[in-house]
Amino acid sequence: MNLRISFLTILISSLLFVSACGRKNQESRKVTDIQSVKKEWALAVHGGAGAISTENLTPEMDKEYRSALNEALATGKKILSDGGTALDAVEQTVRYLENNQLFNAGKGAVFTHDGRNELDAAIMDGSTLAAGSVAGVTDIKNPITAARTVMTKSAHVMLTGAGASEFAREQGLEIVPPSYFYTERRFNELQELLKKSKNGTVGCCALDRYGNLAAATSTGGMTNKRYNRIGDAPIIGAGTYANNSTCAVSATGHGEFFIRWTVAHDISALIEYKGLSLKDASELVVNEKLVKAGGSGGVICVDRYGNVSMPFNSKGMFRGFATSDGKEGVFIYRDELMHYQE
């Protein structure tokens, strides 16, 4: 009897082992199949979301914004296609947008209640989860570069105000007088647009050929803001997040909602813990959770396979994408492409 029981035990154990090996091999094949369709690189950019429509954007401005978005994409595309890193791509793309006065970041930042420009920015490395950000700065020409310097040259994640400027100066970054951010030629034009679309921000997400993700976001905040208000852009997990296991996210919109609902990390968590696709995760957060909460805005996302998603719940969002398989485009209005996923 004991010999019979021992034989049955051995037989059952063997069958279980063979079954487990089969499942493991099957899972390995699935992973291989998924990896085989992974894009070499992918890039997404945004230039803010809000009440952007053909009624309040002239054909001339439409053309200017599309041209600027294409230039931003070209900046990141060259870096990625030449074998550069996702971090370099998102930083340089956002620097271009910061230097373009069309957007609410850097040179084109909106004005506070006191008539100043207060800038925020963040960057995150999906391969290590390292991150850096600056907030409430008034004299750093390119806040996104300051954010990356905080990440790589300090023991901290976020620096604010005068301390951030002191650190940037010590690191040799370009410091400018606050008047640099004021442009008379664009002032009236931008103020009219931003009265209707006051939540503008710029951002970029990228996947490089080494499988690393990165995200970067920069903003001038809300028009007429007071009390040194800081939004979601420089807050890791709210307006900016990247994780090689899931995706990279950069957000734009009403920051208080993006902070409270930790929007960027929530999208990543839905992919990691619930197995949702990038499209489904980003849609759930932006067009269900945020809408239910009363928050407006959108996100750009790139996942570890090079899929791109760009959902928003406002009238429009300046956005664009490019991938290594030759697909790309820039968009503004609601009826244009929001996702690119095979």
C-alpha atoms as a PDB file:
ATOM      1  CA  MET A   1       0.000   0.000   0.000  1.00  0.00           C
ATOM      2  CA  ASN A   2       2.780   2.417   0.965  1.00  0.00           C
ATOM      3  CA  LEU A   3       4.642   1.619  -2.267  1.00  0.00           C
ATOM      4  CA  ARG A   4       1.480   2.295  -4.261  1.00  0.00           C
ATOM      5  CA  ILE A   5       0.950   5.654  -2.512  1.00  0.00           C
ATOM      6  CA  SER A   6       4.593   6.585  -3.089  1.00  0.00           C
ATOM      7  CA  PHE A   7       4.306   5.711  -6.773  1.00  0.00           C
ATOM      8  CA  LEU A   8       1.127   7.809  -7.146  1.00  0.00           C
ATOM      9  CA  THR A   9       2.774  10.724  -5.334  1.00  0.00           C
ATOM     10  CA  ILE A  10       5.781  10.601  -7.647  1.00  0.00           C
ATOM     11  CA  LEU A  11       3.526  10.329 -10.719  1.00  0.00           C
ATOM     12  CA  ILE A  12       1.366  13.300  -9.697  1.00  0.00           C
ATOM     13  CA  SER A  13       4.458  15.393  -8.866  1.00  0.00           C
ATOM     14  CA  SER A  14       5.964  14.583 -12.265  1.00  0.00           C
ATOM     15  CA  LEU A  15       2.776  15.534 -14.088  1.00  0.00           C
ATOM     16  CA  LEU A  16       2.584  18.825 -12.174  1.00  0.00           C
ATOM     17  CA  PHE A  17       6.226  19.562 -13.003  1.00  0.00           C
ATOM     18  CA  VAL A  18       5.703  18.895 -16.707  1.00  0.00           C
ATOM     19  CA  SER A  19       2.573  21.070 -16.683  1.00  0.00           C
ATOM     20  CA  ALA A  20       4.417  23.903 -14.945  1.00  0.00           C
ATOM     21  CA  CYS A  21       7.252  23.696 -17.467  1.00  0.00           C
ATOM     22  CA  GLY A  22       4.734  23.844 -20.269  1.00  0.00           C
ATOM     23  CA  ARG A  23       3.113  26.940 -18.839  1.00  0.00           C
ATOM     24  CA  LYS A  24       6.503  28.527 -18.320  1.00  0.00           C
ATOM     25  CA  ASN A  25       7.506  27.816 -21.908  1.00  0.00           C
ATOM     26  CA  GLN A  26       4.182  29.169 -23.132  1.00  0.00           C
ATOM     27  CA  GLU A  27       4.631  32.339 -21.070  1.00  0.00           C
ATOM     28  CA  SER A  28       8.159  32.699 -22.433  1.00  0.00           C
ATOM     29  CA  ARG A  29       6.827  32.435 -25.981  1.00  0.00           C
ATOM     30  CA  LYS A  30       4.212  35.089 -25.206  1.00  0.00           C
ATOM     31  CA  VAL A  31       6.858  37.445 -23.849  1.00  0.00           C
ATOM     32  CA  THR A  32       9.011  36.804 -26.926  1.00  0.00           C
ATOM     33  CA  ASP A  33       6.055  37.477 -29.203  1.00  0.00           C
ATOM     34  CA  ILE A  34       5.340  40.760 -27.397  1.00  0.00           C
ATOM     35  CA  GLN A  35       8.973  41.849 -27.496  1.00  0.00           C
ATOM     36  CA  SER A  36       9.169  41.112 -31.219  1.00  0.00           C
ATOM     37  CA  VAL A  37       6.612  43.853 -31.977  1.00  0.00           C
ATOM     38  CA  LYS A  38       8.173  46.376 -29.620  1.00  0.00           C
ATOM     39  CA  LYS A  39       9.111  49.623 -31.342  1.00  0.00           C
ATOM     40  CA  GLU A  40      12.731  50.699 -31.306  1.00  0.00           C
ATOM     41  CA  TRP A  41      11.747  54.095 -29.969  1.00  0.00           C
ATOM     42  CA  ALA A  42       8.670  56.266 -29.425  1.00  0.00           C
ATOM     43  CA  LEU A  43       8.051  59.890 -28.551  1.00  0.00           C
ATOM     44  CA  ALA A  44       5.039  61.982 -27.501  1.00  0.00           C
ATOM     45  CA  VAL A  45       4.767  65.721 -26.793  1.00  0.00           C
ATOM     46  CA  HIS A  46       2.116  68.094 -25.527  1.00  0.00           C
ATOM     47  CA  GLY A  47       1.788  71.846 -25.320  1.00  0.00           C
ATOM     48  CA  GLY A  48      -1.166  72.240 -22.982  1.00  0.00           C
ATOM     49  CA  ALA A  49      -4.878  71.460 -22.856  1.00  0.00           C
ATOM     50  CA  GLY A  50      -7.960  73.615 -22.436  1.00  0.00           C
ATOM     51  CA  ALA A  51     -10.741  75.384 -24.307  1.00  0.00           C
ATOM     52  CA  ILE A  52      -8.884  75.076 -27.586  1.00  0.00           C
ATOM     53  CA  SER A  53     -11.172  74.993 -30.619  1.00  0.00           C
ATOM     54  CA  THR A  54     -11.491  76.367 -34.143  1.00  0.00           C
ATOM     55  CA  GLU A  55     -13.693  79.117 -32.686  1.00  0.00           C
ATOM     56  CA  ASN A  56     -10.901  80.614 -30.569  1.00  0.00           C
ATOM     57  CA  LEU A  57      -7.804  79.588 -32.541  1.00  0.00           C
ATOM     58  CA  THR A  58      -7.279  81.458 -35.798  1.00  0.00           C
ATOM     59  CA  PRO A  59      -6.000  79.584 -38.863  1.00  0.00           C
ATOM     60  CA  GLU A  60      -2.722  81.472 -38.528  1.00  0.00           C
ATOM     61  CA  MET A  61      -2.280  80.402 -34.895  1.00  0.00           C
ATOM     62  CA  ASP A  62      -3.321  76.846 -35.762  1.00  0.00           C
ATOM     63  CA  LYS A  63      -0.510  76.768 -38.310  1.00  0.00           C
ATOM     64  CA  GLU A  64       2.010  78.237 -35.849  1.00  0.00           C
ATOM     65  CA  TYR A  65       1.193  75.705 -33.157  1.00  0.00           C
ATOM     66  CA  ARG A  66       1.354  72.752 -35.528  1.00  0.00           C
ATOM     67  CA  SER A  67       4.706  73.965 -36.842  1.00  0.00           C
ATOM     68  CA  ALA A  68       6.067  74.322 -33.311  1.00  0.00           C
ATOM     69  CA  LEU A  69       4.851  70.853 -32.313  1.00  0.00           C
ATOM     70  CA  ASN A  70       6.512  69.402 -35.407  1.00  0.00           C
ATOM     71  CA  GLU A  71       9.771  71.140 -34.485  1.00  0.00           C
ATOM     72  CA  ALA A  72       9.541  69.753 -30.960  1.00  0.00           C
ATOM     73  CA  LEU A  73       8.994  66.246 -32.342  1.00  0.00           C
ATOM     74  CA  ALA A  74      11.915  66.665 -34.725  1.00  0.00           C
ATOM     75  CA  THR A  75      14.165  67.540 -31.785  1.00  0.00           C
ATOM     76  CA  GLY A  76      13.346  64.353 -29.898  1.00  0.00           C
ATOM     77  CA  LYS A  77      13.183  62.159 -33.011  1.00  0.00           C
ATOM     78  CA  LYS A  78      16.738  63.025 -34.018  1.00  0.00           C
ATOM     79  CA  ILE A  79      18.092  62.134 -30.590  1.00  0.00           C
ATOM     80  CA  LEU A  80      16.227  58.819 -30.410  1.00  0.00           C
ATOM     81  CA  SER A  81      16.869  57.753 -34.015  1.00  0.00           C
ATOM     82  CA  ASP A  82      20.583  58.509 -33.578  1.00  0.00           C
ATOM     83  CA  GLY A  83      20.707  56.183 -30.569  1.00  0.00           C
ATOM     84  CA  GLY A  84      20.370  58.835 -27.867  1.00  0.00           C
ATOM     85  CA  THR A  85      18.670  58.262 -24.545  1.00  0.00           C
ATOM     86  CA  ALA A  86      15.066  58.881 -23.567  1.00  0.00           C
ATOM     87  CA  LEU A  87      16.284  61.321 -20.895  1.00  0.00           C
ATOM     88  CA  ASP A  88      18.153  63.430 -23.428  1.00  0.00           C
ATOM     89  CA  ALA A  89      15.180  63.330 -25.780  1.00  0.00           C
ATOM     90  CA  VAL A  90      12.621  64.544 -23.238  1.00  0.00           C
ATOM     91  CA  GLU A  91      14.910  67.222 -21.827  1.00  0.00           C
ATOM     92  CA  GLN A  92      15.874  68.688 -25.191  1.00  0.00           C
ATOM     93  CA  THR A  93      12.326  68.520 -26.543  1.00  0.00           C
ATOM     94  CA  VAL A  94      10.974  70.356 -23.516  1.00  0.00           C
ATOM     95  CA  ARG A  95      13.811  72.900 -23.724  1.00  0.00           C
ATOM     96  CA  TYR A  96      12.664  73.685 -27.259  1.00  0.00           C
ATOM     97  CA  LEU A  97       9.104  74.207 -26.003  1.00  0.00           C
ATOM     98  CA  GLU A  98      10.341  76.341 -23.079  1.00  0.00           C
ATOM     99  CA  ASN A  99      12.176  78.584 -25.547  1.00  0.00           C
ATOM    100  CA  ASN A 100       9.091  78.977 -27.762  1.00  0.00           C
ATOM    101  CA  GLN A 101       6.859  81.802 -26.569  1.00  0.00           C
ATOM    102  CA  LEU A 102       3.725  80.137 -27.932  1.00  0.00           C
ATOM    103  CA  PHE A 103       3.578  77.810 -24.926  1.00  0.00           C
ATOM    104  CA  ASN A 104       2.977  78.345 -21.227  1.00  0.00           C
ATOM    105  CA  ALA A 105       6.465  77.354 -20.097  1.00  0.00           C
ATOM    106  CA  GLY A 106       9.766  79.189 -19.996  1.00  0.00           C
ATOM    107  CA  LYS A 107       9.747  82.161 -22.392  1.00  0.00           C
ATOM    108  CA  GLY A 108       5.970  82.066 -22.883  1.00  0.00           C
ATOM    109  CA  ALA A 109       4.992  81.557 -19.231  1.00  0.00           C
ATOM    110  CA  VAL A 110       1.773  83.187 -18.049  1.00  0.00           C
ATOM    111  CA  PHE A 111       1.676  85.896 -15.420  1.00  0.00           C
ATOM    112  CA  THR A 112       0.790  85.609 -11.753  1.00  0.00           C
ATOM    113  CA  HIS A 113      -1.563  87.960  -9.905  1.00  0.00           C
ATOM    114  CA  ASP A 114       1.481  90.080  -9.042  1.00  0.00           C
ATOM    115  CA  GLY A 115       2.647  90.295 -12.646  1.00  0.00           C
ATOM    116  CA  ARG A 116       5.525  87.831 -12.320  1.00  0.00           C
ATOM    117  CA  ASN A 117       6.414  84.547 -14.000  1.00  0.00           C
ATOM    118  CA  GLU A 118       6.861  81.552 -11.686  1.00  0.00           C
ATOM    119  CA  LEU A 119       8.066  78.379 -13.362  1.00  0.00           C
ATOM    120  CA  ASP A 120       7.871  74.683 -12.452  1.00  0.00           C
ATOM    121  CA  ALA A 121       9.403  71.603 -14.099  1.00  0.00           C
ATOM    122  CA  ALA A 122      10.106  67.924 -13.442  1.00  0.00           C
ATOM    123  CA  ILE A 123      11.893  65.015 -15.095  1.00  0.00           C
ATOM    124  CA  MET A 124      11.958  61.292 -14.298  1.00  0.00           C
ATOM    125  CA  ASP A 125      14.127  58.365 -15.369  1.00  0.00           C
ATOM    126  CA  GLY A 126      12.057  55.212 -15.758  1.00  0.00           C
ATOM    127  CA  SER A 127      15.095  52.926 -15.543  1.00  0.00           C
ATOM    128  CA  THR A 128      16.003  53.924 -11.981  1.00  0.00           C
ATOM    129  CA  LEU A 129      12.949  55.907 -10.778  1.00  0.00           C
ATOM    130  CA  ALA A 130      15.322  58.805 -10.162  1.00  0.00           C
ATOM    131  CA  ALA A 131      13.574  62.155 -10.430  1.00  0.00           C
ATOM    132  CA  GLY A 132      14.223  65.865 -10.093  1.00  0.00           C
ATOM    133  CA  SER A 133      12.059  68.964 -10.043  1.00  0.00           C
ATOM    134  CA  VAL A 134      12.084  72.700  -9.433  1.00  0.00           C
ATOM    135  CA  ALA A 135       9.142  74.895  -8.497  1.00  0.00           C
ATOM    136  CA  GLY A 136       8.404  78.607  -8.232  1.00  0.00           C
ATOM    137  CA  VAL A 137      11.591  79.706  -9.988  1.00  0.00           C
ATOM    138  CA  THR A 138      11.749  83.130 -11.630  1.00  0.00           C
ATOM    139  CA  ASP A 139      15.195  83.421 -13.212  1.00  0.00           C
ATOM    140  CA  ILE A 140      16.259  80.012 -14.585  1.00  0.00           C
ATOM    141  CA  LYS A 141      16.070  80.106 -18.382  1.00  0.00           C
ATOM    142  CA  ASN A 142      15.325  76.397 -18.792  1.00  0.00           C
ATOM    143  CA  PRO A 143      13.670  74.919 -15.695  1.00  0.00           C
ATOM    144  CA  ILE A 144      13.651  71.414 -17.216  1.00  0.00           C
ATOM    145  CA  THR A 145      17.449  71.387 -17.290  1.00  0.00           C
ATOM    146  CA  ALA A 146      17.487  72.592 -13.690  1.00  0.00           C
ATOM    147  CA  ALA A 147      15.170  69.707 -12.798  1.00  0.00           C
ATOM    148  CA  ARG A 148      17.497  67.197 -14.440  1.00  0.00           C
ATOM    149  CA  THR A 149      20.449  68.740 -12.616  1.00  0.00           C
ATOM    150  CA  VAL A 150      18.623  68.350  -9.300  1.00  0.00           C
ATOM    151  CA  MET A 151      18.122  64.679 -10.202  1.00  0.00           C
ATOM    152  CA  THR A 152      21.743  64.017 -11.174  1.00  0.00           C
ATOM    153  CA  LYS A 153      23.769  66.466  -9.072  1.00  0.00           C
ATOM    154  CA  SER A 154      21.960  66.562  -5.727  1.00  0.00           C
ATOM    155  CA  ALA A 155      20.600  64.219  -3.079  1.00  0.00           C
ATOM    156  CA  HIS A 156      17.138  65.746  -3.438  1.00  0.00           C
ATOM    157  CA  VAL A 157      14.076  65.452  -5.663  1.00  0.00           C
ATOM    158  CA  MET A 158      12.504  68.936  -5.456  1.00  0.00           C
ATOM    159  CA  LEU A 159      13.990  72.394  -4.914  1.00  0.00           C
ATOM    160  CA  THR A 160      11.907  75.575  -4.858  1.00  0.00           C
ATOM    161  CA  GLY A 161      12.195  79.322  -5.238  1.00  0.00           C
ATOM    162  CA  ALA A 162      15.416  81.108  -4.350  1.00  0.00           C
ATOM    163  CA  GLY A 163      17.073  77.873  -3.215  1.00  0.00           C
ATOM    164  CA  ALA A 164      16.505  76.275  -6.605  1.00  0.00           C
ATOM    165  CA  SER A 165      17.955  79.348  -8.320  1.00  0.00           C
ATOM    166  CA  GLU A 166      21.004  79.312  -6.030  1.00  0.00           C
ATOM    167  CA  PHE A 167      21.584  75.641  -6.814  1.00  0.00           C
ATOM    168  CA  ALA A 168      21.189  76.256 -10.564  1.00  0.00           C
ATOM    169  CA  ARG A 169      23.666  79.144 -10.408  1.00  0.00           C
ATOM    170  CA  GLU A 170      26.205  76.997  -8.563  1.00  0.00           C
ATOM    171  CA  GLN A 171      25.825  74.315 -11.225  1.00  0.00           C
ATOM    172  CA  GLY A 172      26.541  76.790 -14.015  1.00  0.00           C
ATOM    173  CA  LEU A 173      23.054  76.837 -15.535  1.00  0.00           C
ATOM    174  CA  GLU A 174      21.888  79.886 -17.459  1.00  0.00           C
ATOM    175  CA  ILE A 175      20.305  82.490 -15.190  1.00  0.00           C
ATOM    176  CA  VAL A 176      18.322  85.327 -16.748  1.00  0.00           C
ATOM    177  CA  PRO A 177      16.615  88.458 -15.400  1.00  0.00           C
ATOM    178  CA  PRO A 178      12.895  87.876 -14.703  1.00  0.00           C
ATOM    179  CA  SER A 179      12.112  90.317 -17.526  1.00  0.00           C
ATOM    180  CA  TYR A 180      13.367  87.676 -19.998  1.00  0.00           C
ATOM    181  CA  PHE A 181      10.055  85.856 -19.666  1.00  0.00           C
ATOM    182  CA  TYR A 182       8.015  88.910 -20.691  1.00  0.00           C
ATOM    183  CA  THR A 183       7.406  89.355 -24.433  1.00  0.00           C
ATOM    184  CA  GLU A 184       5.405  92.397 -25.498  1.00  0.00           C
ATOM    185  CA  ARG A 185       4.669  91.031 -28.982  1.00  0.00           C
ATOM    186  CA  ARG A 186       2.938  87.936 -27.635  1.00  0.00           C
ATOM    187  CA  PHE A 187       1.480  89.365 -24.438  1.00  0.00           C
ATOM    188  CA  ASN A 188      -1.978  90.398 -25.647  1.00  0.00           C
ATOM    189  CA  GLU A 189      -2.338  87.463 -28.046  1.00  0.00           C
ATOM    190  CA  LEU A 190      -1.390  84.905 -25.430  1.00  0.00           C
ATOM    191  CA  GLN A 191      -3.481  86.475 -22.688  1.00  0.00           C
ATOM    192  CA  GLU A 192      -6.609  86.260 -24.827  1.00  0.00           C
ATOM    193  CA  LEU A 193      -5.996  82.582 -25.541  1.00  0.00           C
ATOM    194  CA  LEU A 194      -4.947  81.730 -22.010  1.00  0.00           C
ATOM    195  CA  LYS A 195      -8.027  83.340 -20.503  1.00  0.00           C
ATOM    196  CA  LYS A 196      -9.846  80.457 -22.126  1.00  0.00           C
ATOM    197  CA  SER A 197      -7.017  77.930 -21.754  1.00  0.00           C
ATOM    198  CA  LYS A 198      -5.233  78.885 -18.562  1.00  0.00           C
ATOM    199  CA  ASN A 199      -3.949  75.430 -17.664  1.00  0.00           C
ATOM    200  CA  GLY A 200      -1.244  75.188 -20.323  1.00  0.00           C
ATOM    201  CA  THR A 201       1.858  73.117 -19.743  1.00  0.00           C
ATOM    202  CA  VAL A 202       4.425  71.432 -21.985  1.00  0.00           C
ATOM    203  CA  GLY A 203       5.713  67.900 -21.709  1.00  0.00           C
ATOM    204  CA  CYS A 204       7.408  64.984 -23.404  1.00  0.00           C
ATOM    205  CA  CYS A 205       7.576  61.210 -22.927  1.00  0.00           C
ATOM    206  CA  ALA A 206       9.999  58.876 -24.666  1.00  0.00           C
ATOM    207  CA  LEU A 207      11.084  55.266 -25.069  1.00  0.00           C
ATOM    208  CA  ASP A 208      14.630  54.734 -26.344  1.00  0.00           C
ATOM    209  CA  ARG A 209      16.211  51.765 -28.134  1.00  0.00           C
ATOM    210  CA  TYR A 210      17.679  50.562 -24.827  1.00  0.00           C
ATOM    211  CA  GLY A 211      14.183  50.010 -23.414  1.00  0.00           C
ATOM    212  CA  ASN A 212      14.302  52.991 -21.083  1.00  0.00           C
ATOM    213  CA  LEU A 213      11.416  55.380 -20.529  1.00  0.00           C
ATOM    214  CA  ALA A 214      11.542  59.008 -19.410  1.00  0.00           C
ATOM    215  CA  ALA A 215       9.062  61.830 -18.830  1.00  0.00           C
ATOM    216  CA  ALA A 216       9.492  65.605 -18.533  1.00  0.00           C
ATOM    217  CA  THR A 217       7.018  68.417 -17.829  1.00  0.00           C
ATOM    218  CA  SER A 218       7.406  72.209 -17.597  1.00  0.00           C
ATOM    219  CA  THR A 219       4.908  74.999 -16.945  1.00  0.00           C
ATOM    220  CA  GLY A 220       4.289  78.604 -16.069  1.00  0.00           C
ATOM    221  CA  GLY A 221       1.278  77.540 -14.016  1.00  0.00           C
ATOM    222  CA  MET A 222      -2.139  79.184 -13.970  1.00  0.00           C
ATOM    223  CA  THR A 223      -2.849  82.714 -15.139  1.00  0.00           C
ATOM    224  CA  ASN A 224      -3.444  85.071 -12.199  1.00  0.00           C
ATOM    225  CA  LYS A 225      -2.222  82.529  -9.620  1.00  0.00           C
ATOM    226  CA  ARG A 226      -1.452  83.812  -6.107  1.00  0.00           C
ATOM    227  CA  TYR A 227       0.418  82.839  -2.944  1.00  0.00           C
ATOM    228  CA  ASN A 228       3.216  80.997  -4.818  1.00  0.00           C
ATOM    229  CA  ARG A 229       0.753  78.332  -5.880  1.00  0.00           C
ATOM    230  CA  ILE A 230       2.386  75.206  -7.326  1.00  0.00           C
ATOM    231  CA  GLY A 231       0.536  72.767  -9.564  1.00  0.00           C
ATOM    232  CA  ASP A 232       1.033  69.149 -10.539  1.00  0.00           C
ATOM    233  CA  ALA A 233       3.815  69.503 -13.144  1.00  0.00           C
ATOM    234  CA  PRO A 234       6.785  69.336 -10.719  1.00  0.00           C
ATOM    235  CA  ILE A 235       5.168  66.743  -8.450  1.00  0.00           C
ATOM    236  CA  ILE A 236       6.348  63.217  -9.181  1.00  0.00           C
ATOM    237  CA  GLY A 237       3.383  60.881  -9.561  1.00  0.00           C
ATOM    238  CA  ALA A 238       0.909  63.696 -10.203  1.00  0.00           C
ATOM    239  CA  GLY A 239       1.985  65.499 -13.376  1.00  0.00           C
ATOM    240  CA  THR A 240       5.125  63.526 -14.199  1.00  0.00           C
ATOM    241  CA  TYR A 241       6.012  59.839 -13.876  1.00  0.00           C
ATOM    242  CA  ALA A 242       8.116  57.182 -15.620  1.00  0.00           C
ATOM    243  CA  ASN A 243       8.730  53.525 -14.868  1.00  0.00           C
ATOM    244  CA  ASN A 244      10.364  51.063 -17.261  1.00  0.00           C
ATOM    245  CA  SER A 245       7.963  48.363 -16.084  1.00  0.00           C
ATOM    246  CA  THR A 246       4.924  50.280 -17.305  1.00  0.00           C
ATOM    247  CA  CYS A 247       4.954  53.688 -18.974  1.00  0.00           C
ATOM    248  CA  ALA A 248       5.982  57.346 -18.980  1.00  0.00           C
ATOM    249  CA  VAL A 249       3.364  60.055 -18.383  1.00  0.00           C
ATOM    250  CA  SER A 250       3.279  63.853 -18.642  1.00  0.00           C
ATOM    251  CA  ALA A 251       0.090  65.695 -17.717  1.00  0.00           C
ATOM    252  CA  THR A 252      -1.516  69.054 -18.393  1.00  0.00           C
ATOM    253  CA  GLY A 253      -4.645  70.549 -16.879  1.00  0.00           C
ATOM    254  CA  HIS A 254      -6.129  71.714 -13.589  1.00  0.00           C
ATOM    255  CA  GLY A 255      -3.236  70.769 -11.334  1.00  0.00           C
ATOM    256  CA  GLU A 256      -5.097  70.501  -8.049  1.00  0.00           C
ATOM    257  CA  PHE A 257      -7.102  67.563  -9.400  1.00  0.00           C
ATOM    258  CA  PHE A 258      -4.054  65.896 -10.920  1.00  0.00           C
ATOM    259  CA  ILE A 259      -2.307  66.146  -7.545  1.00  0.00           C
ATOM    260  CA  ARG A 260      -5.180  64.778  -5.487  1.00  0.00           C
ATOM    261  CA  TRP A 261      -5.833  61.912  -7.884  1.00  0.00           C
ATOM    262  CA  THR A 262      -2.080  61.243  -8.461  1.00  0.00           C
ATOM    263  CA  VAL A 263      -2.954  60.934 -12.130  1.00  0.00           C
ATOM    264  CA  ALA A 264       0.416  60.030 -13.655  1.00  0.00           C
ATOM    265  CA  HIS A 265       1.175  57.254 -11.162  1.00  0.00           C
ATOM    266  CA  ASP A 266      -2.407  56.006 -11.251  1.00  0.00           C
ATOM    267  CA  ILE A 267      -2.074  55.242 -14.960  1.00  0.00           C
ATOM    268  CA  SER A 268       1.143  53.333 -14.308  1.00  0.00           C
ATOM    269  CA  ALA A 269      -0.418  51.453 -11.386  1.00  0.00           C
ATOM    270  CA  LEU A 270      -3.414  50.329 -13.456  1.00  0.00           C
ATOM    271  CA  ILE A 271      -1.004  48.831 -15.987  1.00  0.00           C
ATOM    272  CA  GLU A 272       1.196  47.217 -13.331  1.00  0.00           C
ATOM    273  CA  TYR A 273      -1.441  45.875 -10.931  1.00  0.00           C
ATOM    274  CA  LYS A 274      -4.509  45.348 -13.111  1.00  0.00           C
ATOM    275  CA  GLY A 275      -2.847  44.490 -16.403  1.00  0.00           C
ATOM    276  CA  LEU A 276      -4.664  47.215 -18.349  1.00  0.00           C
ATOM    277  CA  SER A 277      -3.351  48.402 -21.696  1.00  0.00           C
ATOM    278  CA  LEU A 278      -1.894  51.904 -21.932  1.00  0.00           C
ATOM    279  CA  LYS A 279      -4.978  53.086 -23.818  1.00  0.00           C
ATOM    280  CA  ASP A 280      -7.447  51.626 -21.307  1.00  0.00           C
ATOM    281  CA  ALA A 281      -5.517  52.826 -18.255  1.00  0.00           C
ATOM    282  CA  SER A 282      -5.107  56.393 -19.495  1.00  0.00           C
ATOM    283  CA  GLU A 283      -8.721  56.610 -20.695  1.00  0.00           C
ATOM    284  CA  LEU A 284     -10.012  55.326 -17.355  1.00  0.00           C
ATOM    285  CA  VAL A 285      -8.102  57.936 -15.394  1.00  0.00           C
ATOM    286  CA  VAL A 286      -8.603  60.944 -17.689  1.00  0.00           C
ATOM    287  CA  ASN A 287     -12.089  60.387 -19.066  1.00  0.00           C
ATOM    288  CA  GLU A 288     -13.712  58.613 -16.117  1.00  0.00           C
ATOM    289  CA  LYS A 289     -11.977  59.337 -12.813  1.00  0.00           C
ATOM    290  CA  LEU A 290     -11.029  62.951 -13.574  1.00  0.00           C
ATOM    291  CA  VAL A 291     -14.342  63.761 -15.231  1.00  0.00           C
ATOM    292  CA  LYS A 292     -16.246  62.362 -12.255  1.00  0.00           C
ATOM    293  CA  ALA A 293     -14.055  64.456  -9.926  1.00  0.00           C
ATOM    294  CA  GLY A 294     -14.576  67.613 -11.987  1.00  0.00           C
ATOM    295  CA  GLY A 295     -10.995  67.927 -13.226  1.00  0.00           C
ATOM    296  CA  SER A 296     -10.119  68.974 -16.760  1.00  0.00           C
ATOM    297  CA  GLY A 297      -7.002  68.304 -18.822  1.00  0.00           C
ATOM    298  CA  GLY A 298      -5.139  65.455 -20.430  1.00  0.00           C
ATOM    299  CA  VAL A 299      -1.993  63.350 -20.578  1.00  0.00           C
ATOM    300  CA  ILE A 300       0.515  61.988 -23.043  1.00  0.00           C
ATOM    301  CA  CYS A 301       1.839  58.484 -22.361  1.00  0.00           C
ATOM    302  CA  VAL A 302       4.315  56.067 -23.898  1.00  0.00           C
ATOM    303  CA  ASP A 303       4.498  52.477 -22.678  1.00  0.00           C
ATOM    304  CA  ARG A 304       7.436  50.052 -22.668  1.00  0.00           C
ATOM    305  CA  TYR A 305       6.420  48.656 -26.075  1.00  0.00           C
ATOM    306  CA  GLY A 306       6.276  52.064 -27.760  1.00  0.00           C
ATOM    307  CA  ASN A 307       2.489  52.432 -27.751  1.00  0.00           C
ATOM    308  CA  VAL A 308       1.298  56.019 -27.421  1.00  0.00           C
ATOM    309  CA  SER A 309      -1.871  57.360 -25.799  1.00  0.00           C
ATOM    310  CA  MET A 310      -2.916  61.027 -25.596  1.00  0.00           C
ATOM    311  CA  PRO A 311      -6.414  61.263 -24.019  1.00  0.00           C
ATOM    312  CA  PHE A 312      -7.923  64.516 -22.742  1.00  0.00           C
ATOM    313  CA  ASN A 313     -11.324  65.661 -21.511  1.00  0.00           C
ATOM    314  CA  SER A 314     -11.081  69.340 -22.475  1.00  0.00           C
ATOM    315  CA  LYS A 315     -12.020  70.840 -25.839  1.00  0.00           C
ATOM    316  CA  GLY A 316      -8.519  70.459 -27.202  1.00  0.00           C
ATOM    317  CA  MET A 317      -4.894  69.630 -26.436  1.00  0.00           C
ATOM    318  CA  PHE A 318      -1.746  70.535 -28.367  1.00  0.00           C
ATOM    319  CA  ARG A 319      -0.103  67.145 -28.881  1.00  0.00           C
ATOM    320  CA  GLY A 320       1.942  64.967 -31.192  1.00  0.00           C
ATOM    321  CA  PHE A 321       3.778  61.669 -31.480  1.00  0.00           C
ATOM    322  CA  ALA A 322       6.388  59.860 -33.548  1.00  0.00           C
ATOM    323  CA  THR A 323       7.561  56.239 -33.525  1.00  0.00           C
ATOM    324  CA  SER A 324      10.420  54.311 -35.075  1.00  0.00           C
ATOM    325  CA  ASP A 325       8.100  52.590 -37.565  1.00  0.00           C
ATOM    326  CA  GLY A 326       7.520  55.894 -39.351  1.00  0.00           C
ATOM    327  CA  LYS A 327       4.155  56.840 -37.898  1.00  0.00           C
ATOM    328  CA  GLU A 328       3.779  60.390 -36.593  1.00  0.00           C
ATOM    329  CA  GLY A 329       1.458  63.372 -36.433  1.00  0.00           C
ATOM    330  CA  VAL A 330       0.488  66.537 -34.564  1.00  0.00           C
ATOM    331  CA  PHE A 331      -3.033  67.303 -33.384  1.00  0.00           C
ATOM    332  CA  ILE A 332      -4.993  70.023 -31.623  1.00  0.00           C
ATOM    333  CA  TYR A 333      -8.725  69.408 -31.588  1.00  0.00           C
ATOM    334  CA  ARG A 334     -10.989  66.836 -30.017  1.00  0.00           C
ATOM    335  CA  ASP A 335     -11.880  64.931 -33.198  1.00  0.00           C
ATOM    336  CA  GLU A 336      -8.234  64.147 -33.998  1.00  0.00           C
ATOM    337  CA  LEU A 337      -6.202  61.071 -33.030  1.00  0.00           C
ATOM    338  CA  MET A 338      -5.821  60.312 -29.321  1.00  0.00           C
ATOM    339  CA  HIS A 339      -4.060  56.942 -29.325  1.00  0.00           C
ATOM    340  CA  TYR A 340      -1.552  54.986 -31.304  1.00  0.00           C
ATOM    341  CA  GLN A 341      -1.443  51.336 -30.305  1.00  0.00           C
ATOM    342  CA  GLU A 342      -1.066  48.256 -32.469  1.00  0.00           C
END
